[in-house]
C-alpha atoms as a PDB file:
ATOM      1  CA  UNK A   1      99.044 115.119 103.093  1.00  0.00           C
ATOM      2  CA  UNK A   2     100.766 115.681  99.808  1.00  0.00           C
ATOM      3  CA  UNK A   3     104.250 115.920 102.124  1.00  0.00           C
ATOM      4  CA  UNK A   4     103.585 112.571 104.083  1.00  0.00           C
ATOM      5  CA  UNK A   5     102.414 110.312 100.629  1.00  0.00           C
ATOM      6  CA  UNK A   6     105.586 110.977  99.826  1.00  0.00           C
ATOM      7  CA  UNK A   7     106.920 108.040 102.640  1.00  0.00           C
ATOM      8  CA  UNK A   8     104.737 105.296 100.962  1.00  0.00           C
ATOM      9  CA  UNK A   9     107.331 102.726 100.072  1.00  0.00           C
ATOM     10  CA  UNK A  10     104.977 100.390  98.934  1.00  0.00           C
ATOM     11  CA  UNK A  11     103.134  99.237  95.718  1.00  0.00           C
ATOM     12  CA  UNK A  12     100.482 101.908  95.184  1.00  0.00           C
ATOM     13  CA  UNK A  13      97.553 102.361  92.693  1.00  0.00           C
ATOM     14  CA  UNK A  14      96.256 105.282  91.981  1.00  0.00           C
ATOM     15  CA  UNK A  15      92.328 105.765  90.108  1.00  0.00           C
ATOM     16  CA  UNK A  16      90.693 108.411  89.489  1.00  0.00           C
ATOM     17  CA  UNK A  17      87.744 109.127  87.265  1.00  0.00           C
ATOM     18  CA  UNK A  18      88.082 111.501  84.448  1.00  0.00           C
ATOM     19  CA  UNK A  19      84.725 114.247  85.404  1.00  0.00           C
ATOM     20  CA  UNK A  20      85.805 114.188  88.614  1.00  0.00           C
ATOM     21  CA  UNK A  21      84.724 117.357  90.542  1.00  0.00           C
ATOM     22  CA  UNK A  22      86.120 116.385  94.109  1.00  0.00           C
ATOM     23  CA  UNK A  23      88.991 114.869  92.566  1.00  0.00           C
ATOM     24  CA  UNK A  24      90.033 116.316  88.933  1.00  0.00           C
ATOM     25  CA  UNK A  25      92.725 113.740  87.410  1.00  0.00           C
ATOM     26  CA  UNK A  26      95.336 116.745  88.221  1.00  0.00           C
ATOM     27  CA  UNK A  27      95.208 116.547  91.663  1.00  0.00           C
ATOM     28  CA  UNK A  28      95.089 112.298  90.787  1.00  0.00           C
ATOM     29  CA  UNK A  29      98.061 112.612  88.983  1.00  0.00           C
ATOM     30  CA  UNK A  30      99.915 114.713  91.388  1.00  0.00           C
ATOM     31  CA  UNK A  31      98.967 111.753  94.184  1.00  0.00           C
ATOM     32  CA  UNK A  32     101.124 109.393  91.850  1.00  0.00           C
ATOM     33  CA  UNK A  33     103.985 111.853  91.249  1.00  0.00           C
ATOM     34  CA  UNK A  34     104.054 111.817  94.959  1.00  0.00           C
ATOM     35  CA  UNK A  35     104.569 107.993  95.291  1.00  0.00           C
ATOM     36  CA  UNK A  36     107.356 106.426  93.403  1.00  0.00           C
ATOM     37  CA  UNK A  37     106.305 103.475  91.770  1.00  0.00           C
ATOM     38  CA  UNK A  38     103.140 104.104  91.346  1.00  0.00           C
ATOM     39  CA  UNK A  39     100.364 103.622  89.083  1.00  0.00           C
ATOM     40  CA  UNK A  40      97.806 106.018  87.453  1.00  0.00           C
ATOM     41  CA  UNK A  41      94.651 104.872  86.233  1.00  0.00           C
ATOM     42  CA  UNK A  42      92.265 107.372  84.948  1.00  0.00           C
ATOM     43  CA  UNK A  43      88.691 106.232  83.859  1.00  0.00           C
ATOM     44  CA  UNK A  44      85.498 107.848  82.420  1.00  0.00           C
ATOM     45  CA  UNK A  45      84.092 108.451  85.619  1.00  0.00           C
ATOM     46  CA  UNK A  46      83.005 111.316  87.542  1.00  0.00           C
ATOM     47  CA  UNK A  47      83.547 110.638  91.400  1.00  0.00           C
ATOM     48  CA  UNK A  48      82.453 106.898  91.715  1.00  0.00           C
ATOM     49  CA  UNK A  49      84.545 105.402  89.209  1.00  0.00           C
ATOM     50  CA  UNK A  50      84.090 101.989  91.279  1.00  0.00           C
ATOM     51  CA  UNK A  51      80.347 102.079  90.068  1.00  0.00           C
ATOM     52  CA  UNK A  52      80.668 103.849  87.049  1.00  0.00           C
ATOM     53  CA  UNK A  53      82.993 101.486  85.384  1.00  0.00           C
ATOM     54  CA  UNK A  54      83.225  98.723  87.804  1.00  0.00           C
ATOM     55  CA  UNK A  55      84.210  96.143  85.181  1.00  0.00           C
ATOM     56  CA  UNK A  56      87.385  97.911  84.282  1.00  0.00           C
ATOM     57  CA  UNK A  57      87.894  99.497  87.707  1.00  0.00           C
ATOM     58  CA  UNK A  58      87.863  95.760  88.803  1.00  0.00           C
ATOM     59  CA  UNK A  59      90.242  94.386  86.182  1.00  0.00           C
ATOM     60  CA  UNK A  60      92.297  96.995  86.730  1.00  0.00           C
ATOM     61  CA  UNK A  61      92.345  96.372  90.394  1.00  0.00           C
ATOM     62  CA  UNK A  62      92.981  92.721  89.632  1.00  0.00           C
ATOM     63  CA  UNK A  63      95.771  93.409  87.591  1.00  0.00           C
ATOM     64  CA  UNK A  64      97.326  95.629  89.955  1.00  0.00           C
ATOM     65  CA  UNK A  65      97.290  93.108  92.798  1.00  0.00           C
ATOM     66  CA  UNK A  66      98.330  90.204  90.484  1.00  0.00           C
ATOM     67  CA  UNK A  67     101.579  92.105  89.699  1.00  0.00           C
END
């Protein structure tokens, strides 16, 4: 999917955990770099950042959706 994500032209938020062994921050940066205009947020969490850092995750998401 590394090439196909380059075709995304919509606002995109990429959220990753700083300690995620499945999708480490380096991979999240590659994803964000491949999508022009995307926003990258790294949270102090592992793979379930929406659970481990729920308040910050939700704040970042709501801020992004509000534009």
